[in-house]
Amino acid sequence: MSLIWRYIKRYRLILLLNVVGSFGFIFVELGLPTMLAKLIDGAIAGVEQSFITRTIILMLLFSVAGLLGRSLVAYTTSRLTTNMVAEMRNDMYKKIQTFSHEEFDKLGVSSLVTRVTNDAFILMQFGQMVLRLGLATLLMMFASFYMIFQTSRELSVILIPAFPALLIFVLIIGKKSRPLSEAQQENLDNINLTLRESLTGLRVVRAFVREKFQSSRFAIVNEAYSTVSRRLFYLMAWTQPLFSHIINLIIIAIVFMGAPLIESGDLQIGNMVAYVEYSFHALYSFLNFAIVFMMYPRAAVSAARIQEVFDTVSSISPNEAGITETETHGYITFENVSFSYPDNKETPVIENVNFSLEPGQTIAFIGSTGSGKSTLLQLIPRFYDVTAGRIIIDGHDVRDYNLKALRQKIGYIPQKSLLFTGTIAENLRYGKVNATELEMEEASDISQAKDFILDKTEKFEEHLSEGGSNLSGGQKQRLSIARAVVRRPDIYIFDDSFSALDYQTDKRLRGRLKKETGRSTVIIVAQRVSTILHADKIIVLNEGKVVAEGTHKELLKTSQIYYDIAASQMREEELA
């Protein structure tokens, strides 16, 4: 399998030791029956005791050598496969990091998790089987056949028809197991998807008393996985006992046919014992080969799923040779920008949007849910690329930038605050890796997070639980804002980033931000009119189109949509 070989071949020395161990083990395993035959025939013929003693000592030495060979194979196999899966997972993770949101939408987060974890584990298991049994099995099988024909050609007629019949049987099993393996992995994706949705949405599930419904959903996908797995495991489970039974019948047939040959003197007892041993090795080697072969379809499915990750080309080019430095900082222009999601290109989410923005200015977007506000913001750091038109930052199309350099210009605060497991300081340093404690204090002071941070026992070294679950929604938003502020970017993007704040905190934070972002460009998406009252320009979106733009006072007079939004949130005297 090319994917496994691609990683294993990096460790040529360990692989060579694995081959050496396999050859040593086979040499010993086939040498022992030969010595046993000589020992039995010598004892019957009445040879000297010294010959018997030397043979026994030699057999003991061979046994020790065989143990060393097995140990070497076991050690090298574990090293090769664990290194393989670790590097494979690292490479997959790095590849996934290059994906745009389009690729995430296409492959699915749950499926990607399954590929990095379960599919990689299946390949590790298969790799262990191949390295531990594959080479040794093939060598043992061919070497055993040679010794079988050298020992007794008459008895070999029993084995000649047996192996083609067993091979056909193995091929049939392999063909039947592949579609089952594909279905098994697809069903595992569904399990991960359902589990992920249920756990992340646990509060909603409990609030609407839908525990039974979610349990039923999970039970359905789990049963689908179990049904396929049972069929696959049943197929594999009865194969080995059947093979063992066939091997036993063949050994009985050999003994039955060998007895007359011994009686006639055409075959010695020792050679008969050796022949049985060689036959046993040959048959069980074939059994091990069959086991490896039957595991192949499952491994092939996992390998194809992993290879799909490696073969997926991001729709957003990192443009490593692109622009990294500009003379100006913070100038933004949207020129006839339109955007449609790849799976629904006929229905634009954003359509023909135009505006310009200079450093020191604040522009705000408002509109009903689904009007395209958040989508528009995601076009600036190239989470998605525009379908038509272009976005110009500091005189250059965003697609002409080195992707990392473009995003370094931006401080992005998402709609849903996302914090990582670790300390507060580690989360803030996502904005600036080498941020000093003074810089973090200043940023947290601006974002109104400083007070609650200093109230923590460990201050900036306070550990955050998964997703920042040990903080309130408002605290998480303030830390997200501080993470952007510590970067001191040219462009701030606030995607409804004040929604969890009370009005007083919101007011104080915006006041501090106004001073901090005086030389930066600020783009805000908001649901609360109070958040955008003092924006230099407010753009009203409806169904992805710009329907009005102006200041707060201007829009109250010129835009019915804006007036209705404002009227739902403000007192009548404030609208005058």
Protein backbone atom coordinates (compact mmCIF):
# COMPACT_ATOMS: atom_id res chain seq x y z
CA MET A 1 0.00 0.00 0.00
CA SER A 2 1.60 3.21 -1.27
CA LEU A 3 0.43 5.45 1.60
CA ILE A 4 1.90 3.17 4.27
CA TRP A 5 5.09 2.62 2.27
CA ARG A 6 5.51 6.40 1.86
CA TYR A 7 5.97 6.73 5.61
CA ILE A 8 7.68 3.45 6.47
CA LYS A 9 10.45 3.88 3.88
CA ARG A 10 11.67 6.93 5.81
CA TYR A 11 13.05 4.51 8.41
CA ARG A 12 15.21 2.30 6.20
CA LEU A 13 17.52 1.09 8.98
CA ILE A 14 14.64 -0.04 11.21
CA LEU A 15 12.96 -1.65 8.19
CA LEU A 16 16.19 -3.50 7.38
CA LEU A 17 16.36 -4.80 10.96
CA ASN A 18 12.74 -5.98 10.58
CA VAL A 19 13.69 -7.93 7.45
CA VAL A 20 16.76 -9.39 9.18
CA GLY A 21 14.62 -10.46 12.14
CA SER A 22 12.08 -12.09 9.80
CA PHE A 23 14.79 -14.02 7.92
CA GLY A 24 16.40 -15.12 11.19
CA PHE A 25 13.09 -16.29 12.60
CA ILE A 26 12.26 -18.28 9.44
CA PHE A 27 15.70 -19.85 9.30
CA VAL A 28 15.31 -21.06 12.86
CA GLU A 29 11.72 -22.25 12.44
CA LEU A 30 12.61 -24.34 9.40
CA GLY A 31 15.92 -25.53 10.82
CA LEU A 32 14.40 -27.04 13.95
CA PRO A 33 12.24 -29.66 12.14
CA THR A 34 15.32 -30.75 10.15
CA MET A 35 17.35 -31.24 13.34
CA LEU A 36 14.41 -32.98 15.00
CA ALA A 37 14.19 -35.42 12.08
CA LYS A 38 17.91 -36.22 12.39
CA LEU A 39 17.55 -36.63 16.15
CA ILE A 40 14.62 -39.07 15.83
CA ASP A 41 16.20 -41.12 13.03
CA GLY A 42 19.56 -41.12 14.85
CA ALA A 43 18.00 -42.30 18.09
CA ILE A 44 16.19 -45.13 16.23
CA ALA A 45 19.41 -46.11 14.46
CA GLY A 46 21.30 -46.15 17.77
CA VAL A 47 23.81 -43.34 17.19
CA GLU A 48 26.18 -42.22 19.91
CA GLN A 49 24.85 -40.23 22.86
CA SER A 50 27.23 -37.39 22.00
CA PHE A 51 25.42 -36.87 18.66
CA ILE A 52 22.09 -36.62 20.45
CA THR A 53 23.52 -34.20 23.02
CA ARG A 54 25.06 -31.96 20.33
CA THR A 55 21.80 -31.92 18.38
CA ILE A 56 19.74 -30.98 21.47
CA ILE A 57 22.19 -28.19 22.36
CA LEU A 58 22.04 -26.92 18.79
CA MET A 59 18.25 -26.97 18.89
CA LEU A 60 18.29 -24.96 22.12
CA LEU A 61 20.61 -22.40 20.52
CA PHE A 62 18.29 -22.21 17.51
CA SER A 63 15.34 -21.64 19.85
CA VAL A 64 17.16 -18.71 21.50
CA ALA A 65 18.01 -17.31 18.06
CA GLY A 66 14.34 -17.65 17.08
CA LEU A 67 13.30 -15.74 20.21
CA LEU A 68 15.74 -12.96 19.37
CA GLY A 69 14.39 -12.86 15.81
CA ARG A 70 10.79 -12.61 17.05
CA SER A 71 11.79 -9.89 19.54
CA LEU A 72 13.55 -7.89 16.83
CA VAL A 73 10.51 -8.13 14.56
CA ALA A 74 8.19 -7.06 17.40
CA TYR A 75 10.40 -4.07 18.33
CA THR A 76 10.91 -2.81 14.79
CA THR A 77 7.23 -3.29 13.95
CA SER A 78 6.11 -1.19 16.92
CA ARG A 79 8.68 1.54 16.10
CA LEU A 80 7.76 1.70 12.43
CA THR A 81 3.97 1.73 12.86
CA THR A 82 3.84 4.19 15.77
CA ASN A 83 6.18 6.56 13.94
CA MET A 84 4.13 6.10 10.78
CA VAL A 85 0.79 6.97 12.37
CA ALA A 86 2.25 9.90 14.34
CA GLU A 87 3.73 11.48 11.23
CA MET A 88 0.61 10.70 9.19
CA ARG A 89 -1.58 12.47 11.73
CA ASN A 90 0.79 15.44 11.89
CA ASP A 91 0.78 15.71 8.10
CA MET A 92 -3.01 15.46 7.96
CA TYR A 93 -3.37 18.16 10.61
CA LYS A 94 -0.99 20.46 8.71
CA LYS A 95 -2.91 19.80 5.50
CA ILE A 96 -6.26 20.48 7.16
CA GLN A 97 -4.87 23.77 8.44
CA THR A 98 -4.52 24.90 4.82
CA PHE A 99 -8.17 24.23 3.98
CA SER A 100 -10.54 27.07 3.37
CA HIS A 101 -13.99 27.01 4.89
CA GLU A 102 -15.21 25.57 1.59
CA GLU A 103 -13.18 22.38 2.11
CA PHE A 104 -14.34 22.12 5.72
CA ASP A 105 -17.94 22.39 4.54
CA LYS A 106 -17.33 19.75 1.86
CA LEU A 107 -15.54 17.10 3.93
CA GLY A 108 -17.21 17.85 7.27
CA VAL A 109 -15.47 18.40 10.60
CA SER A 110 -16.69 15.11 12.07
CA SER A 111 -15.41 13.15 9.09
CA LEU A 112 -12.02 14.87 9.33
CA VAL A 113 -11.80 13.92 13.01
CA THR A 114 -12.58 10.29 12.12
CA ARG A 115 -9.90 10.26 9.44
CA VAL A 116 -7.22 11.68 11.71
CA THR A 117 -8.07 9.30 14.56
CA ASN A 118 -9.84 6.09 13.55
CA ASP A 119 -8.67 5.74 9.94
CA ALA A 120 -5.05 6.37 10.92
CA PHE A 121 -5.40 3.78 13.71
CA ILE A 122 -6.72 1.18 11.24
CA LEU A 123 -3.67 1.75 9.04
CA MET A 124 -1.42 1.33 12.06
CA GLN A 125 -3.08 -2.01 12.84
CA PHE A 126 -2.72 -3.14 9.23
CA GLY A 127 0.90 -1.99 9.13
CA GLN A 128 1.62 -4.02 12.25
CA MET A 129 0.09 -7.11 10.65
CA VAL A 130 2.07 -6.65 7.44
CA LEU A 131 5.41 -6.04 9.18
CA ARG A 132 4.91 -8.71 11.82
CA LEU A 133 3.37 -11.37 9.60
CA GLY A 134 3.42 -10.25 5.98
CA LEU A 135 7.09 -10.70 5.06
CA ALA A 136 7.67 -13.59 7.45
CA THR A 137 4.53 -15.30 6.19
CA LEU A 138 5.50 -15.14 2.52
CA LEU A 139 9.06 -16.24 3.18
CA MET A 140 7.91 -19.02 5.49
CA MET A 141 5.33 -20.23 2.98
CA PHE A 142 7.73 -20.48 0.03
CA ALA A 143 10.58 -21.88 2.15
CA SER A 144 8.22 -24.46 3.68
CA PHE A 145 7.06 -25.55 0.22
CA TYR A 146 10.66 -26.04 -0.82
CA MET A 147 11.36 -28.16 2.27
CA ILE A 148 8.13 -30.10 1.75
CA PHE A 149 9.10 -31.13 -1.78
CA GLN A 150 12.64 -31.92 -0.68
CA THR A 151 11.38 -34.18 2.12
CA SER A 152 8.68 -36.18 0.30
CA ARG A 153 7.42 -35.61 -3.21
CA GLU A 154 4.84 -38.41 -2.81
CA LEU A 155 3.01 -36.68 0.04
CA SER A 156 3.12 -33.29 -1.71
CA VAL A 157 0.19 -34.25 -3.95
CA ILE A 158 -2.07 -33.58 -0.96
CA LEU A 159 -1.03 -29.94 -0.71
CA ILE A 160 -0.89 -29.03 -4.42
CA PRO A 161 -4.70 -28.71 -4.91
CA ALA A 162 -5.34 -27.36 -1.39
CA PHE A 163 -3.62 -24.00 -1.79
CA PRO A 164 -5.36 -22.76 -4.98
CA ALA A 165 -8.71 -23.65 -3.40
CA LEU A 166 -7.82 -21.75 -0.22
CA LEU A 167 -6.58 -18.77 -2.27
CA ILE A 168 -9.89 -18.50 -4.16
CA PHE A 169 -11.71 -18.63 -0.84
CA VAL A 170 -9.57 -15.77 0.54
CA LEU A 171 -10.21 -13.62 -2.56
CA ILE A 172 -13.98 -14.09 -2.16
CA ILE A 173 -13.81 -13.03 1.50
CA GLY A 174 -11.74 -9.96 0.58
CA LYS A 175 -14.24 -8.92 -2.11
CA LYS A 176 -17.17 -9.21 0.30
CA SER A 177 -15.46 -7.28 3.10
CA ARG A 178 -14.60 -4.09 1.14
CA PRO A 179 -18.14 -2.60 0.81
CA LEU A 180 -18.78 -3.48 4.44
CA SER A 181 -15.61 -1.60 5.46
CA GLU A 182 -16.66 1.46 3.45
CA ALA A 183 -20.11 1.46 5.06
CA GLN A 184 -18.56 1.00 8.51
CA GLN A 185 -16.38 4.13 8.20
CA GLU A 186 -19.24 6.20 6.78
CA ASN A 187 -21.44 5.17 9.70
CA LEU A 188 -18.64 6.07 12.11
CA ASP A 189 -18.60 9.56 10.57
CA ASN A 190 -22.34 9.80 11.31
CA ILE A 191 -21.78 8.71 14.92
CA ASN A 192 -19.14 11.41 15.40
CA LEU A 193 -21.38 14.01 13.77
CA THR A 194 -24.39 13.18 15.94
CA LEU A 195 -22.29 13.00 19.10
CA ARG A 196 -20.58 16.32 18.34
CA GLU A 197 -23.90 18.07 17.72
CA SER A 198 -25.46 16.61 20.86
CA LEU A 199 -22.59 17.56 23.16
CA THR A 200 -22.01 21.06 21.79
CA GLY A 201 -25.75 21.72 21.80
CA LEU A 202 -26.36 20.11 25.20
CA ARG A 203 -27.90 23.25 26.72
CA VAL A 204 -30.42 23.51 23.88
CA VAL A 205 -31.24 19.81 24.14
CA ARG A 206 -31.93 20.13 27.86
CA ALA A 207 -33.77 23.43 27.57
CA PHE A 208 -36.26 21.92 25.13
CA VAL A 209 -36.36 18.57 26.94
CA ARG A 210 -35.21 16.71 23.82
CA GLU A 211 -32.94 14.19 25.50
CA LYS A 212 -35.04 11.26 24.31
CA PHE A 213 -35.07 12.58 20.75
CA GLN A 214 -31.29 12.96 20.67
CA SER A 215 -30.86 9.56 22.29
CA SER A 216 -33.06 8.11 19.57
CA ARG A 217 -30.99 9.85 16.85
CA PHE A 218 -27.79 8.49 18.33
CA ALA A 219 -29.28 5.02 18.75
CA ILE A 220 -30.23 4.93 15.04
CA VAL A 221 -26.74 5.84 13.76
CA ASN A 222 -25.12 3.61 16.38
CA GLU A 223 -27.28 0.65 15.35
CA ALA A 224 -26.41 1.26 11.69
CA TYR A 225 -22.72 1.14 12.59
CA SER A 226 -23.22 -1.94 14.79
CA THR A 227 -25.15 -3.80 12.07
CA VAL A 228 -22.44 -3.27 9.48
CA SER A 229 -19.68 -4.03 11.99
CA ARG A 230 -21.38 -7.26 13.04
CA ARG A 231 -21.59 -8.41 9.44
CA LEU A 232 -17.95 -7.54 8.88
CA PHE A 233 -16.71 -9.14 12.09
CA TYR A 234 -18.83 -12.27 11.55
CA LEU A 235 -17.29 -12.60 8.11
CA MET A 236 -13.80 -12.35 9.61
CA ALA A 237 -14.56 -14.36 12.77
CA TRP A 238 -15.64 -17.65 11.23
CA THR A 239 -12.94 -17.60 8.57
CA GLN A 240 -10.06 -18.37 10.93
CA PRO A 241 -11.69 -21.38 12.68
CA LEU A 242 -12.68 -22.74 9.27
CA PHE A 243 -9.12 -22.41 8.05
CA SER A 244 -7.81 -24.10 11.21
CA HIS A 245 -10.25 -26.98 10.68
CA ILE A 246 -9.13 -27.40 7.06
CA ILE A 247 -5.47 -27.39 8.16
CA ASN A 248 -6.19 -30.11 10.74
CA LEU A 249 -7.89 -32.25 8.06
CA ILE A 250 -4.89 -31.83 5.75
CA ILE A 251 -2.46 -32.84 8.54
CA ILE A 252 -4.60 -35.94 9.25
CA ALA A 253 -4.55 -36.78 5.52
CA ILE A 254 -0.75 -36.44 5.47
CA VAL A 255 -0.36 -38.81 8.43
CA PHE A 256 -2.83 -41.25 6.89
CA MET A 257 -0.98 -41.33 3.58
CA GLY A 258 2.44 -41.28 5.19
CA ALA A 259 1.94 -44.37 7.34
CA PRO A 260 2.19 -46.82 4.40
CA LEU A 261 5.32 -45.06 3.15
CA ILE A 262 6.97 -45.50 6.55
CA GLU A 263 5.92 -49.16 6.62
CA SER A 264 7.43 -49.75 3.17
CA GLY A 265 10.65 -47.99 4.11
CA ASP A 266 10.21 -45.23 1.53
CA LEU A 267 9.94 -42.61 4.31
CA GLN A 268 11.73 -42.42 7.61
CA ILE A 269 9.86 -41.55 10.83
CA GLY A 270 12.02 -38.47 11.39
CA ASN A 271 11.32 -37.17 7.89
CA MET A 272 7.63 -37.84 8.44
CA VAL A 273 7.71 -35.69 11.59
CA ALA A 274 9.66 -32.98 9.73
CA TYR A 275 7.20 -33.13 6.79
CA VAL A 276 4.25 -32.61 9.16
CA GLU A 277 6.10 -29.64 10.73
CA TYR A 278 6.87 -28.11 7.32
CA SER A 279 3.27 -28.63 6.19
CA PHE A 280 2.02 -27.06 9.39
CA HIS A 281 4.28 -24.03 8.86
CA ALA A 282 3.21 -23.71 5.22
CA LEU A 283 -0.50 -23.95 6.00
CA TYR A 284 -0.41 -21.61 8.97
CA SER A 285 1.70 -19.16 6.98
CA PHE A 286 -1.03 -19.21 4.38
CA LEU A 287 -3.58 -18.67 7.15
CA ASN A 288 -1.66 -15.63 8.40
CA PHE A 289 -1.39 -14.36 4.85
CA ALA A 290 -5.16 -14.79 4.50
CA ILE A 291 -5.72 -12.77 7.69
CA VAL A 292 -3.52 -9.95 6.37
CA PHE A 293 -5.25 -10.11 2.99
CA MET A 294 -8.71 -9.97 4.54
CA MET A 295 -7.70 -6.91 6.58
CA TYR A 296 -6.56 -5.19 3.38
CA PRO A 297 -10.00 -4.00 2.14
CA ARG A 298 -10.68 -2.23 5.44
CA ALA A 299 -7.23 -0.68 5.42
CA ALA A 300 -7.66 0.31 1.75
CA VAL A 301 -10.87 2.18 2.60
CA SER A 302 -9.13 4.07 5.42
CA ALA A 303 -6.11 4.78 3.20
CA ALA A 304 -8.38 6.20 0.48
CA ARG A 305 -10.13 8.45 3.02
CA ILE A 306 -6.79 9.73 4.32
CA GLN A 307 -5.42 10.16 0.80
CA GLU A 308 -8.50 12.26 -0.03
CA VAL A 309 -7.40 14.69 2.68
CA PHE A 310 -3.90 14.90 1.17
CA ASP A 311 -5.27 15.24 -2.37
CA THR A 312 -7.78 17.96 -1.52
CA VAL A 313 -6.54 21.27 -2.86
CA SER A 314 -7.61 24.35 -0.96
CA SER A 315 -9.71 26.78 -2.98
CA ILE A 316 -7.80 29.56 -1.19
CA SER A 317 -4.19 29.69 -2.30
CA PRO A 318 -1.68 30.65 0.45
CA ASN A 319 0.20 32.60 -2.25
CA GLU A 320 3.57 32.24 -0.54
CA ALA A 321 5.18 34.61 -3.05
CA GLY A 322 2.48 37.24 -2.60
CA ILE A 323 2.62 40.73 -1.14
CA THR A 324 3.87 40.96 2.44
CA GLU A 325 4.46 44.70 2.91
CA THR A 326 2.49 47.76 1.87
CA GLU A 327 3.13 51.50 2.04
CA THR A 328 -0.32 52.28 3.44
CA HIS A 329 -2.22 50.55 6.26
CA GLY A 330 -5.94 50.16 6.77
CA TYR A 331 -7.45 51.26 3.45
CA ILE A 332 -10.31 48.98 2.31
CA THR A 333 -12.40 49.06 -0.86
CA PHE A 334 -15.18 46.72 -1.95
CA GLU A 335 -15.72 46.87 -5.72
CA ASN A 336 -18.91 45.20 -6.94
CA VAL A 337 -18.39 42.28 -4.54
CA SER A 338 -20.68 39.28 -4.88
CA PHE A 339 -20.47 35.89 -3.21
CA SER A 340 -22.28 32.57 -3.49
CA TYR A 341 -21.59 29.40 -1.54
CA PRO A 342 -20.12 26.64 -3.75
CA ASP A 343 -23.10 24.32 -3.25
CA ASN A 344 -25.61 27.05 -4.18
CA LYS A 345 -23.97 29.26 -6.79
CA GLU A 346 -27.27 30.36 -8.30
CA THR A 347 -28.31 32.22 -5.13
CA PRO A 348 -25.89 35.02 -4.14
CA VAL A 349 -25.47 35.63 -0.41
CA ILE A 350 -23.76 38.95 -1.13
CA GLU A 351 -24.58 40.86 -4.29
CA ASN A 352 -22.82 43.89 -5.80
CA VAL A 353 -21.57 45.49 -2.56
CA ASN A 354 -19.50 48.68 -2.84
CA PHE A 355 -17.88 50.83 -0.16
CA SER A 356 -14.55 52.40 0.80
CA LEU A 357 -12.97 52.87 4.20
CA GLU A 358 -9.91 54.76 5.45
CA PRO A 359 -7.80 54.46 8.62
CA GLY A 360 -9.50 56.08 11.57
CA GLN A 361 -12.97 55.38 10.18
CA THR A 362 -15.58 53.00 11.47
CA ILE A 363 -18.10 51.30 9.22
CA ALA A 364 -20.99 49.23 10.55
CA PHE A 365 -23.30 46.70 8.94
CA ILE A 366 -26.79 46.04 10.14
CA GLY A 367 -29.74 44.11 8.82
CA SER A 368 -32.05 41.22 9.46
CA THR A 369 -30.80 37.72 10.19
CA GLY A 370 -29.59 36.11 6.96
CA SER A 371 -28.90 39.40 5.23
CA GLY A 372 -25.25 38.44 4.63
CA LYS A 373 -23.51 40.57 7.27
CA SER A 374 -21.22 37.93 8.77
CA THR A 375 -20.55 36.36 5.38
CA LEU A 376 -19.33 39.71 4.05
CA LEU A 377 -16.82 39.98 6.90
CA GLN A 378 -15.43 36.51 6.19
CA LEU A 379 -14.43 37.62 2.70
CA ILE A 380 -11.89 40.12 4.02
CA PRO A 381 -9.45 37.62 5.63
CA ARG A 382 -10.25 35.20 2.78
CA PHE A 383 -12.07 32.55 4.73
CA TYR A 384 -13.94 32.46 1.43
CA ASP A 385 -13.06 34.14 -1.86
CA VAL A 386 -15.40 36.50 -3.67
CA THR A 387 -17.42 35.07 -6.54
CA ALA A 388 -17.33 38.35 -8.44
CA GLY A 389 -15.75 41.76 -7.98
CA ARG A 390 -12.75 42.34 -5.75
CA ILE A 391 -11.71 43.45 -2.28
CA ILE A 392 -8.79 45.87 -2.18
CA ILE A 393 -6.70 46.42 0.96
CA ASP A 394 -3.98 49.06 0.90
CA GLY A 395 -4.06 49.27 -2.88
CA HIS A 396 -3.89 45.52 -3.59
CA ASP A 397 -6.43 42.79 -4.26
CA VAL A 398 -6.59 40.51 -1.21
CA ARG A 399 -5.88 37.54 -3.52
CA ASP A 400 -2.49 39.07 -4.38
CA TYR A 401 -1.33 38.99 -0.76
CA ASN A 402 0.64 36.31 0.99
CA LEU A 403 -2.26 34.80 2.93
CA LYS A 404 -0.51 34.93 6.32
CA ALA A 405 0.60 38.52 5.71
CA LEU A 406 -2.97 39.51 4.85
CA ARG A 407 -4.35 37.98 8.03
CA GLN A 408 -1.60 39.61 10.11
CA LYS A 409 -3.17 42.93 9.16
CA ILE A 410 -6.48 41.91 10.70
CA GLY A 411 -7.77 41.56 14.24
CA TYR A 412 -10.79 39.29 13.90
CA ILE A 413 -13.31 38.90 16.73
CA PRO A 414 -15.85 36.21 15.77
CA GLN A 415 -19.53 36.21 16.55
CA LYS A 416 -19.13 33.21 18.83
CA SER A 417 -16.22 33.69 21.19
CA LEU A 418 -13.78 30.82 20.91
CA LEU A 419 -11.19 30.26 23.59
CA PHE A 420 -8.74 27.38 23.79
CA THR A 421 -7.89 25.10 26.67
CA GLY A 422 -4.92 26.68 28.43
CA THR A 423 -4.17 29.83 30.40
CA ILE A 424 -5.59 33.30 29.80
CA ALA A 425 -2.11 34.44 28.76
CA GLU A 426 -1.81 31.64 26.20
CA ASN A 427 -5.14 32.66 24.70
CA LEU A 428 -4.16 36.33 24.49
CA ARG A 429 -0.86 35.42 22.85
CA TYR A 430 -2.80 33.93 19.97
CA GLY A 431 -3.03 37.59 18.93
CA LYS A 432 0.69 38.24 19.44
CA VAL A 433 3.01 35.35 20.21
CA ASN A 434 5.61 37.39 22.09
CA ALA A 435 3.18 39.72 23.88
CA THR A 436 4.57 40.93 27.20
CA GLU A 437 2.54 40.93 30.39
CA LEU A 438 2.33 44.74 30.16
CA GLU A 439 0.88 44.49 26.64
CA MET A 440 -1.65 41.90 27.80
CA GLU A 441 -2.64 44.12 30.74
CA GLU A 442 -3.15 47.10 28.42
CA ALA A 443 -5.20 45.04 25.96
CA SER A 444 -7.35 43.55 28.72
CA ASP A 445 -7.81 47.01 30.24
CA ILE A 446 -9.11 48.32 26.90
CA SER A 447 -11.45 45.33 26.48
CA GLN A 448 -12.75 45.72 30.09
CA ALA A 449 -11.40 42.28 30.96
CA LYS A 450 -8.62 43.37 33.31
CA ASP A 451 -10.72 43.52 36.49
CA PHE A 452 -12.07 40.00 36.32
CA ILE A 453 -8.67 38.63 35.25
CA LEU A 454 -6.95 40.20 38.28
CA ASP A 455 -9.68 38.77 40.51
CA LYS A 456 -8.59 35.26 39.44
CA THR A 457 -6.23 33.40 41.76
CA GLU A 458 -3.58 32.93 39.08
CA LYS A 459 -4.30 36.17 37.22
CA PHE A 460 -3.12 35.79 33.60
CA GLU A 461 -1.96 32.24 34.34
CA GLU A 462 -5.50 31.15 35.27
CA HIS A 463 -6.38 27.96 33.44
CA LEU A 464 -9.41 27.96 31.14
CA SER A 465 -11.56 24.90 30.68
CA GLU A 466 -12.55 23.59 27.24
CA GLY A 467 -14.03 26.45 25.23
CA GLY A 468 -13.65 28.77 28.23
CA SER A 469 -16.61 27.09 29.92
CA ASN A 470 -15.52 28.43 33.33
CA LEU A 471 -16.16 32.01 32.12
CA SER A 472 -19.37 33.88 31.40
CA GLY A 473 -20.37 34.79 27.85
CA GLY A 474 -19.45 38.44 28.43
CA GLN A 475 -16.05 37.52 29.88
CA LYS A 476 -15.28 35.31 26.89
CA GLN A 477 -16.18 38.13 24.49
CA ARG A 478 -13.95 40.58 26.32
CA LEU A 479 -11.02 38.14 26.18
CA SER A 480 -11.65 37.64 22.45
CA ILE A 481 -11.51 41.40 21.97
CA ALA A 482 -8.33 41.66 24.09
CA ARG A 483 -6.75 38.94 21.92
CA ALA A 484 -7.31 41.12 18.84
CA VAL A 485 -6.27 44.37 20.56
CA VAL A 486 -2.92 42.95 21.72
CA ARG A 487 -2.00 42.45 18.05
CA ARG A 488 -2.49 46.16 17.26
CA PRO A 489 -3.78 45.35 13.75
CA ASP A 490 -4.45 47.71 10.86
CA ILE A 491 -8.02 46.46 10.56
CA TYR A 492 -10.44 45.44 13.30
CA ILE A 493 -13.37 43.18 12.41
CA PHE A 494 -16.07 42.86 15.07
CA ASP A 495 -18.66 40.27 14.09
CA ASP A 496 -21.44 41.05 16.53
CA SER A 497 -18.76 40.89 19.22
CA PHE A 498 -20.57 43.00 21.84
CA SER A 499 -23.82 41.04 22.03
CA ALA A 500 -23.04 39.39 25.40
CA LEU A 501 -22.04 42.64 27.12
CA ASP A 502 -24.31 44.72 29.28
CA TYR A 503 -24.95 48.27 28.09
CA GLN A 504 -22.59 49.92 30.60
CA THR A 505 -19.68 47.60 29.78
CA ASP A 506 -20.46 47.97 26.08
CA LYS A 507 -20.33 51.76 26.38
CA ARG A 508 -17.06 51.82 28.34
CA LEU A 509 -15.44 49.30 25.98
CA ARG A 510 -16.42 51.23 22.85
CA GLY A 511 -15.09 54.42 24.43
CA ARG A 512 -11.70 52.82 25.06
CA LEU A 513 -11.69 51.18 21.64
CA LYS A 514 -12.34 54.53 19.97
CA LYS A 515 -9.07 55.85 21.40
CA GLU A 516 -7.16 52.64 20.71
CA THR A 517 -8.34 52.22 17.14
CA GLY A 518 -7.94 55.85 16.13
CA ARG A 519 -5.37 54.97 13.46
CA SER A 520 -6.98 51.68 12.47
CA THR A 521 -9.94 50.76 10.34
CA VAL A 522 -12.91 49.32 12.20
CA ILE A 523 -15.64 47.16 10.69
CA ILE A 524 -18.57 46.20 12.89
CA VAL A 525 -21.51 43.86 12.43
CA ALA A 526 -24.10 44.46 15.11
CA GLN A 527 -27.64 43.71 16.07
CA ARG A 528 -27.80 46.51 18.64
CA VAL A 529 -28.18 50.01 17.23
CA SER A 530 -26.56 51.48 20.36
CA THR A 531 -23.31 49.74 19.39
CA ILE A 532 -23.05 51.54 16.03
CA LEU A 533 -24.55 54.96 16.79
CA HIS A 534 -21.26 56.77 16.29
CA ALA A 535 -20.02 54.85 13.25
CA ASP A 536 -18.81 57.04 10.40
CA LYS A 537 -20.93 55.05 8.00
CA ILE A 538 -23.70 52.49 8.53
CA ILE A 539 -24.65 50.15 5.71
CA VAL A 540 -28.04 48.45 5.80
CA LEU A 541 -28.12 45.03 4.17
CA ASN A 542 -31.20 43.14 3.06
CA GLU A 543 -30.97 39.77 1.32
CA GLY A 544 -27.32 40.41 0.54
CA LYS A 545 -27.86 43.79 -1.09
CA VAL A 546 -27.05 47.29 0.13
CA VAL A 547 -30.39 49.02 0.56
CA ALA A 548 -29.23 52.11 2.44
CA GLU A 549 -26.11 53.77 3.83
CA GLY A 550 -25.30 56.84 5.88
CA THR A 551 -24.91 57.97 9.47
CA HIS A 552 -27.34 57.02 12.22
CA LYS A 553 -29.26 60.28 11.95
CA GLU A 554 -29.37 60.16 8.18
CA LEU A 555 -30.66 56.59 8.08
CA LEU A 556 -33.42 57.34 10.57
CA LYS A 557 -34.80 59.72 7.92
CA THR A 558 -33.96 57.80 4.72
CA SER A 559 -34.25 54.08 5.52
CA GLN A 560 -37.46 52.49 6.73
CA ILE A 561 -35.66 49.22 7.48
CA TYR A 562 -33.11 50.97 9.68
CA TYR A 563 -35.80 53.04 11.39
CA ASP A 564 -37.80 49.90 12.20
CA ILE A 565 -34.71 48.22 13.71
CA ALA A 566 -33.88 51.33 15.74
CA ALA A 567 -37.48 51.81 16.87
CA SER A 568 -37.58 48.26 18.24
CA GLN A 569 -34.58 49.00 20.49
CA MET A 570 -34.72 52.71 21.38
CA ARG A 571 -37.09 55.08 23.17
CA GLU A 572 -39.15 57.46 21.06
CA GLU A 573 -37.25 60.55 22.25
CA GLU A 574 -33.98 58.90 21.17
CA LEU A 575 -35.30 58.57 17.63
CA ALA A 576 -36.00 62.26 17.26
